[in-house]
Structures are given as C-alpha cells and as structure tokens.
Amino acid sequence: MNSLKAEDTAVYYCNARYRGGYWGQGTQV
C-alpha cells in the first residue's frame, strides 16, 4: 500500500476463496 490516505484507515482482512471462504483475524491500518 503506497500513497496512503486517511480514508484508507480500516481493519484489513485476508480472505481465501477456498470452499465457503475463510477469513483472517484482521490487522488495523
């Protein structure tokens, strides 16, 4: 992530398109 803006502030989650889909716990940016 480059040239970050205030509106990019969020919890970011990883998702695997495996079976029904899996999620990570998230990381705050």
Full PDB file with SEQRES, HELIX, SHEET, SSBOND, CRYST1, ORIGX, SCALE, CONECT and MASTER records, all heavy atoms in Angstrom:
SEQRES   1 A   29  MET ASN SER LEU LYS ALA GLU ASP THR ALA VAL TYR TYR          
SEQRES   2 A   29  CYS ASN ALA ARG TYR ARG GLY GLY TYR TRP GLY GLN GLY          
SEQRES   3 A   29  THR GLN VAL                                                  
HELIX    1 AA1 ALA A    6  ASP A    8  5                                   3    
SHEET    1 AA1 2 VAL A  11  TYR A  12  0                                        
SHEET    2 AA1 2 THR A  27  GLN A  28 -1                                        
SHEET    1 AA2 2 ASN A  15  ALA A  16  0                                        
SHEET    2 AA2 2 TYR A  22  TRP A  23 -1                                        
CRYST1    1.000    1.000    1.000  90.00  90.00  90.00 P 1           1          
ORIGX1      1.000000  0.000000  0.000000        0.00000                         
ORIGX2      0.000000  1.000000  0.000000        0.00000                         
ORIGX3      0.000000  0.000000  1.000000        0.00000                         
SCALE1      1.000000  0.000000  0.000000        0.00000                         
SCALE2      0.000000  1.000000  0.000000        0.00000                         
SCALE3      0.000000  0.000000  1.000000        0.00000                         
ATOM      1  N   MET A   1       0.856  -1.189   0.000  1.00  0.00           N  
ATOM      2  CA  MET A   1       0.000   0.000   0.000  1.00  0.00           C  
ATOM      3  C   MET A   1       0.889   1.235   0.000  1.00  0.00           C  
ATOM      4  O   MET A   1       1.641   1.463   0.943  1.00  0.00           O  
ATOM      5  CB  MET A   1      -0.907  -0.008   1.224  1.00  0.00           C  
ATOM      6  CG  MET A   1      -1.740  -1.270   1.359  1.00  0.00           C  
ATOM      7  SD  MET A   1      -2.928  -1.200   2.726  1.00  0.00           S  
ATOM      8  CE  MET A   1      -1.817  -1.121   4.116  1.00  0.00           C  
ATOM      9  N   ASN A   2       0.801   2.008  -1.075  1.00  0.00           N  
ATOM     10  CA  ASN A   2       1.575   3.246  -1.213  1.00  0.00           C  
ATOM     11  C   ASN A   2       0.639   4.449  -1.272  1.00  0.00           C  
ATOM     12  O   ASN A   2      -0.563   4.297  -1.492  1.00  0.00           O  
ATOM     13  CB  ASN A   2       2.418   3.189  -2.485  1.00  0.00           C  
ATOM     14  CG  ASN A   2       3.424   2.057  -2.483  1.00  0.00           C  
ATOM     15  OD1 ASN A   2       3.932   1.660  -1.432  1.00  0.00           O  
ATOM     16  ND2 ASN A   2       3.721   1.522  -3.655  1.00  0.00           N  
ATOM     17  N   SER A   3       1.203   5.609  -1.073  1.00  0.00           N  
ATOM     18  CA  SER A   3       0.429   6.863  -1.139  1.00  0.00           C  
ATOM     19  C   SER A   3      -0.841   6.770  -0.303  1.00  0.00           C  
ATOM     20  O   SER A   3      -1.938   7.117  -0.749  1.00  0.00           O  
ATOM     21  CB  SER A   3       0.079   7.197  -2.597  1.00  0.00           C  
ATOM     22  OG  SER A   3       1.242   7.301  -3.386  1.00  0.00           O  
ATOM     23  N   LEU A   4      -0.674   6.315   0.923  1.00  0.00           N  
ATOM     24  CA  LEU A   4      -1.837   6.078   1.782  1.00  0.00           C  
ATOM     25  C   LEU A   4      -2.543   7.377   2.128  1.00  0.00           C  
ATOM     26  O   LEU A   4      -1.918   8.431   2.291  1.00  0.00           O  
ATOM     27  CB  LEU A   4      -1.402   5.347   3.045  1.00  0.00           C  
ATOM     28  CG  LEU A   4      -1.166   3.836   2.832  1.00  0.00           C  
ATOM     29  CD1 LEU A   4      -0.300   3.262   3.943  1.00  0.00           C  
ATOM     30  CD2 LEU A   4      -2.492   3.101   2.750  1.00  0.00           C  
ATOM     31  N   LYS A   5      -3.869   7.260   2.235  1.00  0.00           N  
ATOM     32  CA  LYS A   5      -4.733   8.391   2.554  1.00  0.00           C  
ATOM     33  C   LYS A   5      -5.493   8.101   3.847  1.00  0.00           C  
ATOM     34  O   LYS A   5      -5.646   6.936   4.228  1.00  0.00           O  
ATOM     35  CB  LYS A   5      -5.732   8.618   1.418  1.00  0.00           C  
ATOM     36  CG  LYS A   5      -5.120   8.777   0.044  1.00  0.00           C  
ATOM     37  CD  LYS A   5      -6.205   8.865  -1.019  1.00  0.00           C  
ATOM     38  CE  LYS A   5      -5.623   8.997  -2.417  1.00  0.00           C  
ATOM     39  NZ  LYS A   5      -6.683   9.081  -3.447  1.00  0.00           N  
ATOM     40  N   ALA A   6      -6.015   9.145   4.447  1.00  0.00           N  
ATOM     41  CA  ALA A   6      -6.780   8.965   5.679  1.00  0.00           C  
ATOM     42  C   ALA A   6      -7.954   8.008   5.462  1.00  0.00           C  
ATOM     43  O   ALA A   6      -8.297   7.221   6.344  1.00  0.00           O  
ATOM     44  CB  ALA A   6      -7.272  10.314   6.177  1.00  0.00           C  
ATOM     45  N   GLU A   7      -8.537   8.062   4.284  1.00  0.00           N  
ATOM     46  CA  GLU A   7      -9.699   7.199   4.002  1.00  0.00           C  
ATOM     47  C   GLU A   7      -9.343   5.732   3.814  1.00  0.00           C  
ATOM     48  O   GLU A   7     -10.218   4.895   3.667  1.00  0.00           O  
ATOM     49  CB  GLU A   7     -10.470   7.708   2.782  1.00  0.00           C  
ATOM     50  CG  GLU A   7      -9.620   7.984   1.554  1.00  0.00           C  
ATOM     51  CD  GLU A   7      -9.231   9.449   1.450  1.00  0.00           C  
ATOM     52  OE1 GLU A   7      -8.869  10.070   2.483  1.00  0.00           O  
ATOM     53  OE2 GLU A   7      -9.284   9.976   0.319  1.00  0.00           O  
ATOM     54  N   ASP A   8      -8.058   5.416   3.814  1.00  0.00           N  
ATOM     55  CA  ASP A   8      -7.638   4.013   3.792  1.00  0.00           C  
ATOM     56  C   ASP A   8      -7.641   3.404   5.189  1.00  0.00           C  
ATOM     57  O   ASP A   8      -7.426   2.187   5.333  1.00  0.00           O  
ATOM     58  CB  ASP A   8      -6.232   3.892   3.206  1.00  0.00           C  
ATOM     59  CG  ASP A   8      -6.164   4.296   1.738  1.00  0.00           C  
ATOM     60  OD1 ASP A   8      -7.072   3.926   0.980  1.00  0.00           O  
ATOM     61  OD2 ASP A   8      -5.189   4.990   1.372  1.00  0.00           O  
ATOM     62  N   THR A   9      -7.875   4.204   6.203  1.00  0.00           N  
ATOM     63  CA  THR A   9      -7.925   3.706   7.574  1.00  0.00           C  
ATOM     64  C   THR A   9      -9.040   2.680   7.730  1.00  0.00           C  
ATOM     65  O   THR A   9     -10.198   2.951   7.410  1.00  0.00           O  
ATOM     66  CB  THR A   9      -8.143   4.864   8.554  1.00  0.00           C  
ATOM     67  OG1 THR A   9      -7.012   5.728   8.509  1.00  0.00           O  
ATOM     68  CG2 THR A   9      -8.337   4.344   9.976  1.00  0.00           C  
ATOM     69  N   ALA A  10      -8.683   1.487   8.190  1.00  0.00           N  
ATOM     70  CA  ALA A  10      -9.644   0.396   8.315  1.00  0.00           C  
ATOM     71  C   ALA A  10      -8.942  -0.811   8.921  1.00  0.00           C  
ATOM     72  O   ALA A  10      -7.710  -0.827   9.042  1.00  0.00           O  
ATOM     73  CB  ALA A  10     -10.210   0.020   6.944  1.00  0.00           C  
ATOM     74  N   VAL A  11      -9.734  -1.808   9.258  1.00  0.00           N  
ATOM     75  CA  VAL A  11      -9.182  -3.121   9.551  1.00  0.00           C  
ATOM     76  C   VAL A  11      -9.138  -3.885   8.231  1.00  0.00           C  
ATOM     77  O   VAL A  11     -10.142  -3.956   7.513  1.00  0.00           O  
ATOM     78  CB  VAL A  11     -10.032  -3.889  10.585  1.00  0.00           C  
ATOM     79  CG1 VAL A  11      -9.440  -5.268  10.828  1.00  0.00           C  
ATOM     80  CG2 VAL A  11     -10.115  -3.096  11.886  1.00  0.00           C  
ATOM     81  N   TYR A  12      -7.969  -4.419   7.932  1.00  0.00           N  
ATOM     82  CA  TYR A  12      -7.763  -5.139   6.687  1.00  0.00           C  
ATOM     83  C   TYR A  12      -7.789  -6.643   6.953  1.00  0.00           C  
ATOM     84  O   TYR A  12      -7.101  -7.133   7.859  1.00  0.00           O  
ATOM     85  CB  TYR A  12      -6.441  -4.724   6.047  1.00  0.00           C  
ATOM     86  CG  TYR A  12      -6.532  -3.377   5.377  1.00  0.00           C  
ATOM     87  CD1 TYR A  12      -6.639  -2.206   6.132  1.00  0.00           C  
ATOM     88  CD2 TYR A  12      -6.536  -3.252   3.993  1.00  0.00           C  
ATOM     89  CE1 TYR A  12      -6.745  -0.960   5.530  1.00  0.00           C  
ATOM     90  CE2 TYR A  12      -6.641  -2.017   3.371  1.00  0.00           C  
ATOM     91  CZ  TYR A  12      -6.746  -0.878   4.145  1.00  0.00           C  
ATOM     92  OH  TYR A  12      -6.855   0.359   3.538  1.00  0.00           O  
ATOM     93  N   TYR A  13      -8.567  -7.354   6.136  1.00  0.00           N  
ATOM     94  CA  TYR A  13      -8.740  -8.792   6.298  1.00  0.00           C  
ATOM     95  C   TYR A  13      -8.272  -9.544   5.063  1.00  0.00           C  
ATOM     96  O   TYR A  13      -8.530  -9.135   3.925  1.00  0.00           O  
ATOM     97  CB  TYR A  13     -10.217  -9.126   6.510  1.00  0.00           C  
ATOM     98  CG  TYR A  13     -10.820  -8.543   7.755  1.00  0.00           C  
ATOM     99  CD1 TYR A  13     -11.440  -7.298   7.743  1.00  0.00           C  
ATOM    100  CD2 TYR A  13     -10.794  -9.249   8.958  1.00  0.00           C  
ATOM    101  CE1 TYR A  13     -12.008  -6.767   8.877  1.00  0.00           C  
ATOM    102  CE2 TYR A  13     -11.363  -8.720  10.107  1.00  0.00           C  
ATOM    103  CZ  TYR A  13     -11.963  -7.479  10.057  1.00  0.00           C  
ATOM    104  OH  TYR A  13     -12.526  -6.953  11.191  1.00  0.00           O  
ATOM    105  N   CYS A  14      -7.643 -10.657   5.309  1.00  0.00           N  
ATOM    106  CA  CYS A  14      -7.253 -11.580   4.260  1.00  0.00           C  
ATOM    107  C   CYS A  14      -8.386 -12.589   4.056  1.00  0.00           C  
ATOM    108  O   CYS A  14      -9.020 -13.025   5.025  1.00  0.00           O  
ATOM    109  CB  CYS A  14      -5.969 -12.292   4.702  1.00  0.00           C  
ATOM    110  SG  CYS A  14      -5.363 -13.554   3.610  1.00  0.00           S  
ATOM    111  N   ASN A  15      -8.628 -12.955   2.818  1.00  0.00           N  
ATOM    112  CA  ASN A  15      -9.690 -13.909   2.500  1.00  0.00           C  
ATOM    113  C   ASN A  15      -9.172 -14.972   1.554  1.00  0.00           C  
ATOM    114  O   ASN A  15      -8.493 -14.662   0.570  1.00  0.00           O  
ATOM    115  CB  ASN A  15     -10.868 -13.175   1.860  1.00  0.00           C  
ATOM    116  CG  ASN A  15     -11.934 -14.115   1.342  1.00  0.00           C  
ATOM    117  OD1 ASN A  15     -11.992 -14.415   0.161  1.00  0.00           O  
ATOM    118  ND2 ASN A  15     -12.785 -14.574   2.239  1.00  0.00           N  
ATOM    119  N   ALA A  16      -9.493 -16.216   1.856  1.00  0.00           N  
ATOM    120  CA  ALA A  16      -9.140 -17.331   0.982  1.00  0.00           C  
ATOM    121  C   ALA A  16     -10.407 -17.812   0.288  1.00  0.00           C  
ATOM    122  O   ALA A  16     -11.403 -18.122   0.939  1.00  0.00           O  
ATOM    123  CB  ALA A  16      -8.527 -18.464   1.792  1.00  0.00           C  
ATOM    124  N   ARG A  17     -10.356 -17.878  -1.048  1.00  0.00           N  
ATOM    125  CA  ARG A  17     -11.508 -18.344  -1.817  1.00  0.00           C  
ATOM    126  C   ARG A  17     -11.496 -19.872  -1.872  1.00  0.00           C  
ATOM    127  O   ARG A  17     -11.469 -20.484  -2.932  1.00  0.00           O  
ATOM    128  CB  ARG A  17     -11.449 -17.744  -3.222  1.00  0.00           C  
ATOM    129  CG  ARG A  17     -11.355 -16.223  -3.250  1.00  0.00           C  
ATOM    130  CD  ARG A  17     -12.681 -15.591  -2.959  1.00  0.00           C  
ATOM    131  NE  ARG A  17     -12.620 -14.123  -2.901  1.00  0.00           N  
ATOM    132  CZ  ARG A  17     -12.875 -13.326  -3.924  1.00  0.00           C  
ATOM    133  NH1 ARG A  17     -13.177 -13.827  -5.111  1.00  0.00           N  
ATOM    134  NH2 ARG A  17     -12.821 -12.015  -3.788  1.00  0.00           N  
ATOM    135  N   TYR A  18     -11.487 -20.464  -0.705  1.00  0.00           N  
ATOM    136  CA  TYR A  18     -11.425 -21.909  -0.534  1.00  0.00           C  
ATOM    137  C   TYR A  18     -12.729 -22.365   0.096  1.00  0.00           C  
ATOM    138  O   TYR A  18     -13.129 -21.867   1.142  1.00  0.00           O  
ATOM    139  CB  TYR A  18     -10.235 -22.254   0.356  1.00  0.00           C  
ATOM    140  CG  TYR A  18     -10.169 -23.697   0.817  1.00  0.00           C  
ATOM    141  CD1 TYR A  18      -9.974 -24.721  -0.088  1.00  0.00           C  
ATOM    142  CD2 TYR A  18     -10.281 -24.013   2.174  1.00  0.00           C  
ATOM    143  CE1 TYR A  18      -9.899 -26.040   0.338  1.00  0.00           C  
ATOM    144  CE2 TYR A  18     -10.199 -25.308   2.603  1.00  0.00           C  
ATOM    145  CZ  TYR A  18     -10.003 -26.340   1.678  1.00  0.00           C  
ATOM    146  OH  TYR A  18      -9.919 -27.644   2.096  1.00  0.00           O  
ATOM    147  N   ARG A  19     -13.417 -23.313  -0.589  1.00  0.00           N  
ATOM    148  CA  ARG A  19     -14.717 -23.791  -0.122  1.00  0.00           C  
ATOM    149  C   ARG A  19     -15.618 -22.582   0.117  1.00  0.00           C  
ATOM    150  O   ARG A  19     -15.839 -21.790  -0.782  1.00  0.00           O  
ATOM    151  CB  ARG A  19     -14.542 -24.664   1.107  1.00  0.00           C  
ATOM    152  CG  ARG A  19     -13.806 -25.965   0.783  1.00  0.00           C  
ATOM    153  CD  ARG A  19     -13.769 -26.915   1.952  1.00  0.00           C  
ATOM    154  NE  ARG A  19     -13.129 -28.173   1.565  1.00  0.00           N  
ATOM    155  CZ  ARG A  19     -12.907 -29.178   2.404  1.00  0.00           C  
ATOM    156  NH1 ARG A  19     -13.279 -29.095   3.656  1.00  0.00           N  
ATOM    157  NH2 ARG A  19     -12.311 -30.275   1.979  1.00  0.00           N  
ATOM    158  N   GLY A  20     -16.172 -22.444   1.297  1.00  0.00           N  
ATOM    159  CA  GLY A  20     -17.085 -21.340   1.555  1.00  0.00           C  
ATOM    160  C   GLY A  20     -16.408 -20.021   1.845  1.00  0.00           C  
ATOM    161  O   GLY A  20     -17.080 -18.995   2.002  1.00  0.00           O  
ATOM    162  N   GLY A  21     -15.078 -20.036   1.883  1.00  0.00           N  
ATOM    163  CA  GLY A  21     -14.354 -18.808   2.165  1.00  0.00           C  
ATOM    164  C   GLY A  21     -13.895 -18.748   3.610  1.00  0.00           C  
ATOM    165  O   GLY A  21     -14.650 -19.104   4.523  1.00  0.00           O  
ATOM    166  N   TYR A  22     -12.672 -18.331   3.801  1.00  0.00           N  
ATOM    167  CA  TYR A  22     -12.104 -18.202   5.135  1.00  0.00           C  
ATOM    168  C   TYR A  22     -11.527 -16.804   5.304  1.00  0.00           C  
ATOM    169  O   TYR A  22     -11.065 -16.198   4.336  1.00  0.00           O  
ATOM    170  CB  TYR A  22     -11.009 -19.255   5.368  1.00  0.00           C  
ATOM    171  CG  TYR A  22     -11.546 -20.645   5.560  1.00  0.00           C  
ATOM    172  CD1 TYR A  22     -11.824 -21.453   4.461  1.00  0.00           C  
ATOM    173  CD2 TYR A  22     -11.793 -21.151   6.835  1.00  0.00           C  
ATOM    174  CE1 TYR A  22     -12.334 -22.733   4.628  1.00  0.00           C  
ATOM    175  CE2 TYR A  22     -12.296 -22.430   7.006  1.00  0.00           C  
ATOM    176  CZ  TYR A  22     -12.566 -23.217   5.897  1.00  0.00           C  
ATOM    177  OH  TYR A  22     -13.069 -24.479   6.071  1.00  0.00           O  
ATOM    178  N   TRP A  23     -11.525 -16.349   6.581  1.00  0.00           N  
ATOM    179  CA  TRP A  23     -11.053 -15.011   6.902  1.00  0.00           C  
ATOM    180  C   TRP A  23      -9.970 -15.055   7.950  1.00  0.00           C  
ATOM    181  O   TRP A  23      -9.998 -15.920   8.841  1.00  0.00           O  
ATOM    182  CB  TRP A  23     -12.209 -14.163   7.435  1.00  0.00           C  
ATOM    183  CG  TRP A  23     -13.302 -13.940   6.448  1.00  0.00           C  
ATOM    184  CD1 TRP A  23     -14.422 -14.691   6.279  1.00  0.00           C  
ATOM    185  CD2 TRP A  23     -13.378 -12.886   5.487  1.00  0.00           C  
ATOM    186  NE1 TRP A  23     -15.187 -14.176   5.268  1.00  0.00           N  
ATOM    187  CE2 TRP A  23     -14.574 -13.069   4.769  1.00  0.00           C  
ATOM    188  CE3 TRP A  23     -12.555 -11.814   5.166  1.00  0.00           C  
ATOM    189  CZ2 TRP A  23     -14.971 -12.206   3.745  1.00  0.00           C  
ATOM    190  CZ3 TRP A  23     -12.947 -10.954   4.139  1.00  0.00           C  
ATOM    191  CH2 TRP A  23     -14.139 -11.153   3.451  1.00  0.00           C  
ATOM    192  N   GLY A  24      -9.057 -14.107   7.871  1.00  0.00           N  
ATOM    193  CA  GLY A  24      -8.123 -13.899   8.944  1.00  0.00           C  
ATOM    194  C   GLY A  24      -8.739 -13.048  10.031  1.00  0.00           C  
ATOM    195  O   GLY A  24      -9.911 -12.642   9.942  1.00  0.00           O  
ATOM    196  N   GLN A  25      -7.940 -12.748  11.058  1.00  0.00           N  
ATOM    197  CA  GLN A  25      -8.458 -12.001  12.202  1.00  0.00           C  
ATOM    198  C   GLN A  25      -8.440 -10.508  11.966  1.00  0.00           C  
ATOM    199  O   GLN A  25      -9.082  -9.750  12.710  1.00  0.00           O  
ATOM    200  CB  GLN A  25      -7.638 -12.349  13.450  1.00  0.00           C  
ATOM    201  CG  GLN A  25      -6.324 -11.580  13.605  1.00  0.00           C  
ATOM    202  CD  GLN A  25      -5.228 -12.043  12.659  1.00  0.00           C  
ATOM    203  OE1 GLN A  25      -5.382 -13.033  11.925  1.00  0.00           O  
ATOM    204  NE2 GLN A  25      -4.101 -11.346  12.670  1.00  0.00           N  
ATOM    205  N   GLY A  26      -7.728 -10.071  10.934  1.00  0.00           N  
ATOM    206  CA  GLY A  26      -7.668  -8.658  10.596  1.00  0.00           C  
ATOM    207  C   GLY A  26      -6.467  -7.963  11.205  1.00  0.00           C  
ATOM    208  O   GLY A  26      -5.957  -8.369  12.253  1.00  0.00           O  
ATOM    209  N   THR A  27      -6.031  -6.910  10.523  1.00  0.00           N  
ATOM    210  CA  THR A  27      -4.943  -6.077  11.028  1.00  0.00           C  
ATOM    211  C   THR A  27      -5.325  -4.611  10.809  1.00  0.00           C  
ATOM    212  O   THR A  27      -5.814  -4.240   9.739  1.00  0.00           O  
ATOM    213  CB  THR A  27      -3.609  -6.433  10.331  1.00  0.00           C  
ATOM    214  OG1 THR A  27      -2.541  -5.692  10.931  1.00  0.00           O  
ATOM    215  CG2 THR A  27      -3.630  -6.160   8.835  1.00  0.00           C  
ATOM    216  N   GLN A  28      -5.113  -3.810  11.835  1.00  0.00           N  
ATOM    217  CA  GLN A  28      -5.531  -2.410  11.795  1.00  0.00           C  
ATOM    218  C   GLN A  28      -4.521  -1.570  11.014  1.00  0.00           C  
ATOM    219  O   GLN A  28      -3.319  -1.642  11.272  1.00  0.00           O  
ATOM    220  CB  GLN A  28      -5.662  -1.858  13.207  1.00  0.00           C  
ATOM    221  CG  GLN A  28      -6.009  -0.375  13.283  1.00  0.00           C  
ATOM    222  CD  GLN A  28      -7.426  -0.083  12.839  1.00  0.00           C  
ATOM    223  OE1 GLN A  28      -8.365  -0.752  13.257  1.00  0.00           O  
ATOM    224  NE2 GLN A  28      -7.589   0.931  11.993  1.00  0.00           N  
ATOM    225  N   VAL A  29      -5.040  -0.769  10.102  1.00  0.00           N  
ATOM    226  CA  VAL A  29      -4.232   0.231   9.396  1.00  0.00           C  
ATOM    227  C   VAL A  29      -4.828   1.594   9.702  1.00  0.00           C  
ATOM    228  O   VAL A  29      -6.011   1.821   9.459  1.00  0.00           O  
ATOM    229  CB  VAL A  29      -4.229  -0.024   7.879  1.00  0.00           C  
ATOM    230  CG1 VAL A  29      -3.564   1.137   7.141  1.00  0.00           C  
ATOM    231  CG2 VAL A  29      -3.517  -1.329   7.558  1.00  0.00           C  
TER     232      VAL A  29                                                      
MASTER        0    0    0    1    4    0    0    6  231    1    0    3          
END                                                                             
